[in-house]
Amino acid sequence: MRFLDPALTPAEYRRHLEALWGLHAPLEERLAEVLAGPVPALRIGERRRVPWLVEDLRALGHDTESLEKLSRATWLPPLPGVPEALGCCYVLEGSTLGGQVILRHLQRHFEGVPVGPFAFLRAYGDQTGPMWRALGEALTQASDEAASESFDARVVKGAQDTFDAFVAWLAQEAANAPVRL
């Protein structure tokens, strides 16, 4: 399922948000566990996107009970340490940049159709660029402090594993989606 599909329906949009929630919810919990103390400059608590997914999903008909019943990814990228978690964070935060392009498309695509506030794609709004730069600064600082090629390799591995988790989870969720006729 693709946000930029010209035939995207509100039901498919909702389904895709549900799938994203299923990975973001457990992944953000794990990231907060790993990164909250060791990298305070990252302000990981301010980077949680699940509340925005919940806002969008509530606008599309979900309530607390139905949200709790949504599928959650069972395979998450392994985050054995700070470097891998930083790589994961890099991927999640990078998607906020692309989200700005997708947001503009969907606002036009669904003009006049009540599909919610697009909170997840809007992300930080006009603070998206500054938040991205702050992540880059935190990554650079952590790398400089580690002064180790293995640290940097582990960051890259964390990013790769996160991409793999998204591909696997979204493919699984797409396979379970109703067929469009």
N, C-alpha and C. Protein backbone atom coordinates (compact mmCIF):
# COMPACT_ATOMS: atom_id res chain seq x y z
N MET A 1 0.84 -1.16 0.00
CA MET A 1 0.00 0.00 0.00
C MET A 1 0.89 1.23 0.00
N ARG A 2 0.54 2.16 -0.83
CA ARG A 2 1.39 3.34 -0.98
C ARG A 2 0.57 4.61 -0.79
N PHE A 3 1.12 5.53 -0.02
CA PHE A 3 0.45 6.81 0.22
C PHE A 3 0.26 7.60 -1.07
N LEU A 4 1.16 7.43 -2.03
CA LEU A 4 1.09 8.23 -3.26
C LEU A 4 0.29 7.56 -4.37
N ASP A 5 -0.34 6.44 -4.09
CA ASP A 5 -1.17 5.74 -5.08
C ASP A 5 -2.33 6.66 -5.48
N PRO A 6 -2.49 6.95 -6.78
CA PRO A 6 -3.57 7.86 -7.18
C PRO A 6 -4.96 7.32 -6.89
N ALA A 7 -5.08 6.02 -6.65
CA ALA A 7 -6.38 5.42 -6.35
C ALA A 7 -6.57 5.14 -4.85
N LEU A 8 -5.70 5.68 -4.01
CA LEU A 8 -5.77 5.44 -2.57
C LEU A 8 -7.12 5.86 -2.01
N THR A 9 -7.75 4.95 -1.28
CA THR A 9 -9.05 5.24 -0.67
C THR A 9 -8.86 5.60 0.81
N PRO A 10 -9.85 6.23 1.42
CA PRO A 10 -9.75 6.49 2.86
C PRO A 10 -9.55 5.21 3.67
N ALA A 11 -10.19 4.13 3.29
CA ALA A 11 -10.03 2.86 4.01
C ALA A 11 -8.59 2.34 3.89
N GLU A 12 -8.00 2.50 2.72
CA GLU A 12 -6.61 2.06 2.54
C GLU A 12 -5.64 2.96 3.32
N TYR A 13 -5.94 4.24 3.33
CA TYR A 13 -5.13 5.18 4.11
C TYR A 13 -5.18 4.77 5.59
N ARG A 14 -6.37 4.50 6.09
CA ARG A 14 -6.52 4.07 7.48
C ARG A 14 -5.73 2.78 7.73
N ARG A 15 -5.85 1.83 6.82
CA ARG A 15 -5.15 0.55 6.97
C ARG A 15 -3.64 0.77 7.04
N HIS A 16 -3.13 1.67 6.23
CA HIS A 16 -1.69 1.93 6.24
C HIS A 16 -1.27 2.58 7.56
N LEU A 17 -2.07 3.50 8.06
CA LEU A 17 -1.77 4.10 9.36
C LEU A 17 -1.79 3.04 10.47
N GLU A 18 -2.74 2.11 10.38
CA GLU A 18 -2.80 1.03 11.37
C GLU A 18 -1.52 0.19 11.33
N ALA A 19 -1.05 -0.09 10.12
CA ALA A 19 0.19 -0.87 9.98
C ALA A 19 1.38 -0.09 10.55
N LEU A 20 1.45 1.19 10.27
CA LEU A 20 2.54 2.00 10.82
C LEU A 20 2.48 2.03 12.34
N TRP A 21 1.27 2.14 12.89
CA TRP A 21 1.12 2.10 14.35
C TRP A 21 1.65 0.78 14.90
N GLY A 22 1.38 -0.31 14.20
CA GLY A 22 1.80 -1.63 14.67
C GLY A 22 3.30 -1.80 14.79
N LEU A 23 4.06 -1.01 14.06
CA LEU A 23 5.52 -1.06 14.19
C LEU A 23 6.03 0.08 15.07
N HIS A 24 5.49 1.27 14.87
CA HIS A 24 5.97 2.41 15.66
C HIS A 24 5.73 2.22 17.15
N ALA A 25 4.57 1.70 17.54
CA ALA A 25 4.25 1.61 18.98
C ALA A 25 5.30 0.81 19.74
N PRO A 26 5.60 -0.43 19.35
CA PRO A 26 6.61 -1.16 20.12
C PRO A 26 8.02 -0.62 19.90
N LEU A 27 8.29 -0.11 18.70
CA LEU A 27 9.64 0.37 18.41
C LEU A 27 9.97 1.63 19.20
N GLU A 28 9.03 2.55 19.28
CA GLU A 28 9.27 3.77 20.05
C GLU A 28 9.44 3.48 21.54
N GLU A 29 8.70 2.49 22.04
CA GLU A 29 8.89 2.10 23.44
C GLU A 29 10.31 1.61 23.66
N ARG A 30 10.78 0.78 22.75
CA ARG A 30 12.14 0.23 22.87
C ARG A 30 13.19 1.34 22.75
N LEU A 31 13.00 2.24 21.80
CA LEU A 31 13.96 3.34 21.63
C LEU A 31 14.05 4.19 22.89
N ALA A 32 12.91 4.47 23.50
CA ALA A 32 12.91 5.28 24.71
C ALA A 32 13.70 4.59 25.82
N GLU A 33 13.59 3.27 25.90
CA GLU A 33 14.34 2.51 26.91
C GLU A 33 15.85 2.64 26.70
N VAL A 34 16.27 2.58 25.44
CA VAL A 34 17.70 2.55 25.13
C VAL A 34 18.32 3.94 25.12
N LEU A 35 17.60 4.94 24.62
CA LEU A 35 18.21 6.25 24.36
C LEU A 35 17.94 7.34 25.39
N ALA A 36 16.96 7.18 26.24
CA ALA A 36 16.57 8.28 27.13
C ALA A 36 17.73 8.78 27.99
N GLY A 37 18.48 7.90 28.59
CA GLY A 37 19.57 8.32 29.47
C GLY A 37 20.86 8.65 28.76
N PRO A 38 21.35 7.76 27.87
CA PRO A 38 22.68 7.96 27.29
C PRO A 38 22.82 9.13 26.32
N VAL A 39 21.74 9.57 25.69
CA VAL A 39 21.85 10.65 24.69
C VAL A 39 20.78 11.71 24.99
N PRO A 40 20.94 12.45 26.08
CA PRO A 40 19.90 13.43 26.44
C PRO A 40 19.70 14.52 25.40
N ALA A 41 20.75 14.87 24.65
CA ALA A 41 20.62 15.91 23.63
C ALA A 41 19.62 15.52 22.54
N LEU A 42 19.37 14.24 22.40
CA LEU A 42 18.44 13.75 21.38
C LEU A 42 16.99 14.09 21.72
N ARG A 43 16.69 14.25 23.01
CA ARG A 43 15.32 14.54 23.45
C ARG A 43 14.34 13.52 22.87
N ILE A 44 14.63 12.25 23.13
CA ILE A 44 13.86 11.17 22.52
C ILE A 44 12.37 11.25 22.87
N GLY A 45 12.04 11.74 24.04
CA GLY A 45 10.63 11.87 24.41
C GLY A 45 9.84 12.79 23.50
N GLU A 46 10.52 13.78 22.94
CA GLU A 46 9.86 14.72 22.02
C GLU A 46 9.73 14.15 20.61
N ARG A 47 10.33 13.01 20.37
CA ARG A 47 10.35 12.44 19.03
C ARG A 47 9.34 11.30 18.86
N ARG A 48 8.52 11.08 19.84
CA ARG A 48 7.53 10.01 19.74
C ARG A 48 6.44 10.41 18.76
N ARG A 49 6.18 9.54 17.80
CA ARG A 49 5.18 9.83 16.77
C ARG A 49 3.89 9.04 16.96
N VAL A 50 3.90 8.09 17.87
CA VAL A 50 2.70 7.29 18.12
C VAL A 50 1.51 8.17 18.51
N PRO A 51 1.67 9.19 19.33
CA PRO A 51 0.50 10.03 19.64
C PRO A 51 -0.13 10.65 18.39
N TRP A 52 0.68 10.96 17.40
CA TRP A 52 0.14 11.51 16.15
C TRP A 52 -0.60 10.44 15.36
N LEU A 53 -0.08 9.22 15.36
CA LEU A 53 -0.80 8.12 14.72
C LEU A 53 -2.14 7.90 15.41
N VAL A 54 -2.14 7.93 16.72
CA VAL A 54 -3.38 7.76 17.48
C VAL A 54 -4.37 8.86 17.13
N GLU A 55 -3.90 10.09 17.04
CA GLU A 55 -4.79 11.21 16.67
C GLU A 55 -5.42 10.96 15.31
N ASP A 56 -4.62 10.56 14.34
CA ASP A 56 -5.15 10.28 13.00
C ASP A 56 -6.12 9.10 13.02
N LEU A 57 -5.75 8.04 13.73
CA LEU A 57 -6.60 6.85 13.76
C LEU A 57 -7.91 7.12 14.49
N ARG A 58 -7.89 7.93 15.51
CA ARG A 58 -9.14 8.29 16.20
C ARG A 58 -10.05 9.08 15.24
N ALA A 59 -9.46 9.95 14.44
CA ALA A 59 -10.25 10.72 13.47
C ALA A 59 -10.85 9.80 12.41
N LEU A 60 -10.25 8.64 12.22
CA LEU A 60 -10.74 7.67 11.24
C LEU A 60 -11.59 6.58 11.88
N GLY A 61 -12.02 6.80 13.12
CA GLY A 61 -12.99 5.91 13.73
C GLY A 61 -12.52 5.01 14.85
N HIS A 62 -11.24 5.00 15.14
CA HIS A 62 -10.75 4.15 16.23
C HIS A 62 -11.05 4.77 17.59
N ASP A 63 -11.18 3.89 18.58
CA ASP A 63 -11.25 4.33 19.96
C ASP A 63 -10.18 3.56 20.73
N THR A 64 -10.09 3.78 22.02
CA THR A 64 -9.04 3.14 22.82
C THR A 64 -9.10 1.62 22.69
N GLU A 65 -10.29 1.07 22.76
CA GLU A 65 -10.43 -0.39 22.68
C GLU A 65 -9.98 -0.94 21.33
N SER A 66 -10.38 -0.30 20.26
CA SER A 66 -9.99 -0.81 18.93
C SER A 66 -8.50 -0.62 18.67
N LEU A 67 -7.93 0.44 19.20
CA LEU A 67 -6.48 0.64 19.04
C LEU A 67 -5.71 -0.47 19.74
N GLU A 68 -6.17 -0.88 20.91
CA GLU A 68 -5.50 -1.94 21.65
C GLU A 68 -5.55 -3.28 20.92
N LYS A 69 -6.51 -3.44 20.02
CA LYS A 69 -6.66 -4.70 19.28
C LYS A 69 -5.84 -4.73 17.99
N LEU A 70 -5.25 -3.61 17.61
CA LEU A 70 -4.46 -3.59 16.37
C LEU A 70 -3.24 -4.49 16.51
N SER A 71 -2.84 -5.07 15.39
CA SER A 71 -1.65 -5.92 15.37
C SER A 71 -0.41 -5.10 15.67
N ARG A 72 0.51 -5.73 16.39
CA ARG A 72 1.81 -5.12 16.67
C ARG A 72 2.88 -6.02 16.08
N ALA A 73 3.90 -5.40 15.55
CA ALA A 73 5.01 -6.17 14.99
C ALA A 73 5.64 -7.02 16.08
N THR A 74 5.92 -8.25 15.74
CA THR A 74 6.57 -9.14 16.70
C THR A 74 8.07 -9.16 16.50
N TRP A 75 8.52 -8.83 15.29
CA TRP A 75 9.96 -8.76 15.05
C TRP A 75 10.34 -7.29 14.95
N LEU A 76 11.18 -6.88 15.86
CA LEU A 76 11.71 -5.51 15.84
C LEU A 76 13.19 -5.59 15.55
N PRO A 77 13.75 -4.52 15.03
CA PRO A 77 15.20 -4.54 14.83
C PRO A 77 15.90 -4.72 16.18
N PRO A 78 16.91 -5.55 16.21
CA PRO A 78 17.62 -5.69 17.48
C PRO A 78 18.34 -4.38 17.81
N LEU A 79 18.17 -3.92 19.01
CA LEU A 79 18.81 -2.68 19.44
C LEU A 79 19.63 -2.98 20.69
N PRO A 80 20.75 -3.69 20.49
CA PRO A 80 21.52 -4.10 21.67
C PRO A 80 22.25 -2.95 22.37
N GLY A 81 22.32 -1.80 21.71
CA GLY A 81 23.03 -0.69 22.34
C GLY A 81 22.67 0.64 21.72
N VAL A 82 23.29 1.66 22.22
CA VAL A 82 23.04 3.02 21.77
C VAL A 82 23.30 3.20 20.27
N PRO A 83 24.40 2.67 19.71
CA PRO A 83 24.63 2.91 18.29
C PRO A 83 23.50 2.39 17.40
N GLU A 84 23.03 1.17 17.67
CA GLU A 84 21.95 0.61 16.86
C GLU A 84 20.67 1.42 17.03
N ALA A 85 20.41 1.87 18.25
CA ALA A 85 19.22 2.68 18.50
C ALA A 85 19.31 4.02 17.78
N LEU A 86 20.50 4.59 17.71
CA LEU A 86 20.68 5.84 16.95
C LEU A 86 20.42 5.61 15.47
N GLY A 87 20.86 4.48 14.94
CA GLY A 87 20.58 4.15 13.55
C GLY A 87 19.09 4.01 13.30
N CYS A 88 18.40 3.38 14.22
CA CYS A 88 16.95 3.23 14.13
C CYS A 88 16.28 4.60 14.16
N CYS A 89 16.70 5.43 15.07
CA CYS A 89 16.15 6.78 15.20
C CYS A 89 16.38 7.58 13.92
N TYR A 90 17.52 7.40 13.30
CA TYR A 90 17.84 8.07 12.04
C TYR A 90 16.80 7.74 10.98
N VAL A 91 16.42 6.47 10.89
CA VAL A 91 15.42 6.05 9.90
C VAL A 91 14.06 6.65 10.23
N LEU A 92 13.64 6.54 11.49
CA LEU A 92 12.33 7.06 11.87
C LEU A 92 12.24 8.57 11.65
N GLU A 93 13.29 9.27 12.03
CA GLU A 93 13.29 10.72 11.87
C GLU A 93 13.40 11.13 10.40
N GLY A 94 14.14 10.36 9.62
CA GLY A 94 14.25 10.65 8.19
C GLY A 94 12.90 10.60 7.50
N SER A 95 12.03 9.74 8.00
CA SER A 95 10.71 9.62 7.38
C SER A 95 9.86 10.87 7.61
N THR A 96 10.22 11.70 8.59
CA THR A 96 9.46 12.94 8.78
C THR A 96 9.71 13.91 7.63
N LEU A 97 10.87 13.82 7.01
CA LEU A 97 11.17 14.69 5.86
C LEU A 97 10.33 14.30 4.66
N GLY A 98 10.32 13.01 4.33
CA GLY A 98 9.48 12.53 3.24
C GLY A 98 8.01 12.72 3.54
N GLY A 99 7.67 12.67 4.81
CA GLY A 99 6.28 12.86 5.21
C GLY A 99 5.73 14.21 4.80
N GLN A 100 6.59 15.21 4.72
CA GLN A 100 6.13 16.54 4.31
C GLN A 100 5.66 16.54 2.85
N VAL A 101 6.35 15.80 2.00
CA VAL A 101 5.95 15.68 0.59
C VAL A 101 4.65 14.89 0.49
N ILE A 102 4.58 13.78 1.22
CA ILE A 102 3.38 12.94 1.19
C ILE A 102 2.19 13.72 1.74
N LEU A 103 2.41 14.51 2.78
CA LEU A 103 1.34 15.32 3.36
C LEU A 103 0.70 16.23 2.31
N ARG A 104 1.52 16.94 1.57
CA ARG A 104 0.97 17.85 0.54
C ARG A 104 0.16 17.08 -0.49
N HIS A 105 0.67 15.91 -0.90
CA HIS A 105 -0.04 15.09 -1.88
C HIS A 105 -1.40 14.65 -1.32
N LEU A 106 -1.41 14.11 -0.10
CA LEU A 106 -2.66 13.59 0.46
C LEU A 106 -3.67 14.69 0.75
N GLN A 107 -3.21 15.86 1.12
CA GLN A 107 -4.14 16.97 1.33
C GLN A 107 -4.87 17.30 0.04
N ARG A 108 -4.16 17.26 -1.08
CA ARG A 108 -4.81 17.49 -2.38
C ARG A 108 -5.69 16.29 -2.75
N HIS A 109 -5.14 15.08 -2.58
CA HIS A 109 -5.83 13.85 -2.97
C HIS A 109 -7.17 13.69 -2.24
N PHE A 110 -7.18 13.97 -0.95
CA PHE A 110 -8.38 13.79 -0.13
C PHE A 110 -9.12 15.09 0.13
N GLU A 111 -8.88 16.10 -0.69
CA GLU A 111 -9.55 17.39 -0.48
C GLU A 111 -11.06 17.18 -0.41
N GLY A 112 -11.67 17.67 0.68
CA GLY A 112 -13.11 17.54 0.86
C GLY A 112 -13.55 16.21 1.46
N VAL A 113 -12.61 15.30 1.68
CA VAL A 113 -12.93 13.99 2.27
C VAL A 113 -12.44 14.00 3.72
N PRO A 114 -13.30 13.68 4.67
CA PRO A 114 -12.88 13.72 6.08
C PRO A 114 -12.00 12.52 6.46
N VAL A 115 -10.70 12.72 6.37
CA VAL A 115 -9.76 11.63 6.72
C VAL A 115 -8.87 12.01 7.90
N GLY A 116 -9.16 13.11 8.55
CA GLY A 116 -8.40 13.45 9.75
C GLY A 116 -7.37 14.53 9.52
N PRO A 117 -6.58 14.78 10.56
CA PRO A 117 -5.67 15.92 10.56
C PRO A 117 -4.29 15.67 9.94
N PHE A 118 -4.00 14.45 9.52
CA PHE A 118 -2.67 14.11 8.98
C PHE A 118 -1.57 14.42 9.98
N ALA A 119 -1.84 14.23 11.25
CA ALA A 119 -0.88 14.57 12.31
C ALA A 119 0.43 13.80 12.16
N PHE A 120 0.35 12.52 11.81
CA PHE A 120 1.56 11.70 11.69
C PHE A 120 2.47 12.24 10.60
N LEU A 121 1.91 12.59 9.47
CA LEU A 121 2.72 13.10 8.36
C LEU A 121 3.16 14.53 8.60
N ARG A 122 2.34 15.30 9.27
CA ARG A 122 2.71 16.68 9.58
C ARG A 122 3.90 16.69 10.54
N ALA A 123 3.96 15.69 11.39
CA ALA A 123 5.06 15.51 12.35
C ALA A 123 5.30 16.79 13.13
N TYR A 124 6.47 17.35 12.99
CA TYR A 124 6.84 18.53 13.77
C TYR A 124 6.44 19.84 13.09
N GLY A 125 5.77 19.75 11.95
CA GLY A 125 5.38 20.96 11.23
C GLY A 125 6.59 21.76 10.82
N ASP A 126 6.60 23.05 11.14
CA ASP A 126 7.72 23.90 10.73
C ASP A 126 8.99 23.62 11.53
N GLN A 127 8.92 22.72 12.51
CA GLN A 127 10.11 22.33 13.26
C GLN A 127 10.74 21.04 12.73
N THR A 128 10.21 20.50 11.62
CA THR A 128 10.75 19.26 11.07
C THR A 128 12.22 19.41 10.71
N GLY A 129 12.57 20.46 10.01
CA GLY A 129 13.97 20.70 9.64
C GLY A 129 14.88 20.84 10.85
N PRO A 130 14.52 21.71 11.80
CA PRO A 130 15.35 21.84 13.00
C PRO A 130 15.47 20.54 13.80
N MET A 131 14.40 19.76 13.87
CA MET A 131 14.47 18.48 14.60
C MET A 131 15.42 17.52 13.88
N TRP A 132 15.39 17.52 12.56
CA TRP A 132 16.29 16.67 11.78
C TRP A 132 17.75 17.09 12.00
N ARG A 133 18.00 18.39 11.96
CA ARG A 133 19.36 18.88 12.19
C ARG A 133 19.84 18.54 13.61
N ALA A 134 18.95 18.64 14.58
CA ALA A 134 19.32 18.30 15.96
C ALA A 134 19.69 16.82 16.08
N LEU A 135 18.99 15.98 15.35
CA LEU A 135 19.34 14.56 15.34
C LEU A 135 20.73 14.38 14.75
N GLY A 136 21.00 15.06 13.63
CA GLY A 136 22.32 14.98 13.01
C GLY A 136 23.42 15.41 13.97
N GLU A 137 23.17 16.47 14.71
CA GLU A 137 24.15 16.96 15.69
C GLU A 137 24.36 15.94 16.80
N ALA A 138 23.29 15.33 17.28
CA ALA A 138 23.41 14.32 18.34
C ALA A 138 24.16 13.10 17.84
N LEU A 139 23.89 12.69 16.59
CA LEU A 139 24.62 11.56 16.00
C LEU A 139 26.10 11.88 15.86
N THR A 140 26.40 13.07 15.37
CA THR A 140 27.80 13.47 15.21
C THR A 140 28.51 13.51 16.55
N GLN A 141 27.86 14.07 17.55
CA GLN A 141 28.46 14.15 18.88
C GLN A 141 28.72 12.75 19.44
N ALA A 142 27.74 11.85 19.31
CA ALA A 142 27.91 10.48 19.83
C ALA A 142 29.04 9.77 19.10
N SER A 143 29.13 9.97 17.78
CA SER A 143 30.20 9.35 17.00
C SER A 143 31.56 9.91 17.39
N ASP A 144 31.63 11.24 17.54
CA ASP A 144 32.90 11.87 17.94
C ASP A 144 33.35 11.39 19.31
N GLU A 145 32.40 11.28 20.24
CA GLU A 145 32.74 10.83 21.59
C GLU A 145 33.19 9.37 21.59
N ALA A 146 32.57 8.55 20.76
CA ALA A 146 32.95 7.14 20.69
C ALA A 146 34.29 6.98 19.99
N ALA A 147 34.56 7.84 19.01
CA ALA A 147 35.81 7.81 18.24
C ALA A 147 36.16 6.38 17.83
N SER A 148 35.17 5.71 17.24
CA SER A 148 35.35 4.30 16.91
C SER A 148 34.61 3.97 15.62
N GLU A 149 35.32 3.35 14.68
CA GLU A 149 34.66 2.93 13.45
C GLU A 149 33.60 1.88 13.73
N SER A 150 33.81 1.07 14.75
CA SER A 150 32.81 0.04 15.06
C SER A 150 31.51 0.69 15.55
N PHE A 151 31.61 1.81 16.26
CA PHE A 151 30.41 2.53 16.69
C PHE A 151 29.62 2.97 15.47
N ASP A 152 30.30 3.59 14.51
CA ASP A 152 29.63 4.06 13.30
C ASP A 152 29.04 2.90 12.50
N ALA A 153 29.75 1.78 12.44
CA ALA A 153 29.24 0.60 11.73
C ALA A 153 27.98 0.08 12.40
N ARG A 154 27.94 0.14 13.71
CA ARG A 154 26.75 -0.31 14.44
C ARG A 154 25.57 0.63 14.22
N VAL A 155 25.83 1.93 14.07
CA VAL A 155 24.76 2.88 13.74
C VAL A 155 24.16 2.51 12.39
N VAL A 156 25.03 2.26 11.41
CA VAL A 156 24.56 1.88 10.07
C VAL A 156 23.77 0.58 10.13
N LYS A 157 24.26 -0.38 10.89
CA LYS A 157 23.56 -1.66 11.03
C LYS A 157 22.18 -1.46 11.66
N GLY A 158 22.09 -0.59 12.64
CA GLY A 158 20.79 -0.29 13.25
C GLY A 158 19.82 0.30 12.24
N ALA A 159 20.32 1.18 11.38
CA ALA A 159 19.48 1.76 10.33
C ALA A 159 19.03 0.69 9.35
N GLN A 160 19.96 -0.15 8.91
CA GLN A 160 19.62 -1.22 7.97
C GLN A 160 18.58 -2.16 8.56
N ASP A 161 18.78 -2.55 9.80
CA ASP A 161 17.83 -3.45 10.46
C ASP A 161 16.45 -2.81 10.60
N THR A 162 16.41 -1.51 10.81
CA THR A 162 15.13 -0.81 10.91
C THR A 162 14.42 -0.79 9.57
N PHE A 163 15.15 -0.50 8.50
CA PHE A 163 14.55 -0.57 7.16
C PHE A 163 14.00 -1.97 6.91
N ASP A 164 14.78 -2.99 7.24
CA ASP A 164 14.34 -4.37 7.04
C ASP A 164 13.06 -4.67 7.83
N ALA A 165 12.98 -4.16 9.05
CA ALA A 165 11.78 -4.38 9.87
C ALA A 165 10.56 -3.73 9.23
N PHE A 166 10.73 -2.52 8.70
CA PHE A 166 9.62 -1.86 8.03
C PHE A 166 9.18 -2.62 6.80
N VAL A 167 10.13 -3.04 5.99
CA VAL A 167 9.79 -3.78 4.77
C VAL A 167 9.03 -5.06 5.13
N ALA A 168 9.55 -5.81 6.08
CA ALA A 168 8.91 -7.08 6.46
C ALA A 168 7.52 -6.86 7.04
N TRP A 169 7.39 -5.91 7.96
CA TRP A 169 6.11 -5.67 8.61
C TRP A 169 5.07 -5.14 7.63
N LEU A 170 5.44 -4.17 6.82
CA LEU A 170 4.47 -3.60 5.88
C LEU A 170 4.09 -4.60 4.80
N ALA A 171 5.02 -5.46 4.39
CA ALA A 171 4.69 -6.51 3.42
C ALA A 171 3.70 -7.49 4.04
N GLN A 172 3.92 -7.86 5.28
CA GLN A 172 3.01 -8.77 5.98
C GLN A 172 1.62 -8.15 6.11
N GLU A 173 1.58 -6.90 6.50
CA GLU A 173 0.30 -6.22 6.65
C GLU A 173 -0.40 -6.05 5.31
N ALA A 174 0.35 -5.77 4.25
CA ALA A 174 -0.25 -5.64 2.92
C ALA A 174 -0.82 -6.97 2.45
N ALA A 175 -0.15 -8.06 2.78
CA ALA A 175 -0.63 -9.39 2.39
C ALA A 175 -1.96 -9.70 3.08
N ASN A 176 -2.19 -9.13 4.24
CA ASN A 176 -3.43 -9.37 4.99
C ASN A 176 -4.54 -8.39 4.61
N ALA A 177 -4.22 -7.41 3.78
CA ALA A 177 -5.21 -6.39 3.42
C ALA A 177 -6.20 -6.93 2.40
N PRO A 178 -7.40 -6.38 2.39
CA PRO A 178 -8.38 -6.79 1.38
C PRO A 178 -7.88 -6.44 -0.02
N VAL A 179 -8.27 -7.23 -0.97
CA VAL A 179 -7.87 -7.01 -2.36
C VAL A 179 -8.76 -5.93 -2.97
N ARG A 180 -8.13 -4.97 -3.63
CA ARG A 180 -8.88 -3.92 -4.31
C ARG A 180 -9.31 -4.45 -5.67
N LEU A 181 -10.58 -4.30 -5.98
CA LEU A 181 -11.10 -4.74 -7.28
C LEU A 181 -11.24 -3.59 -8.24
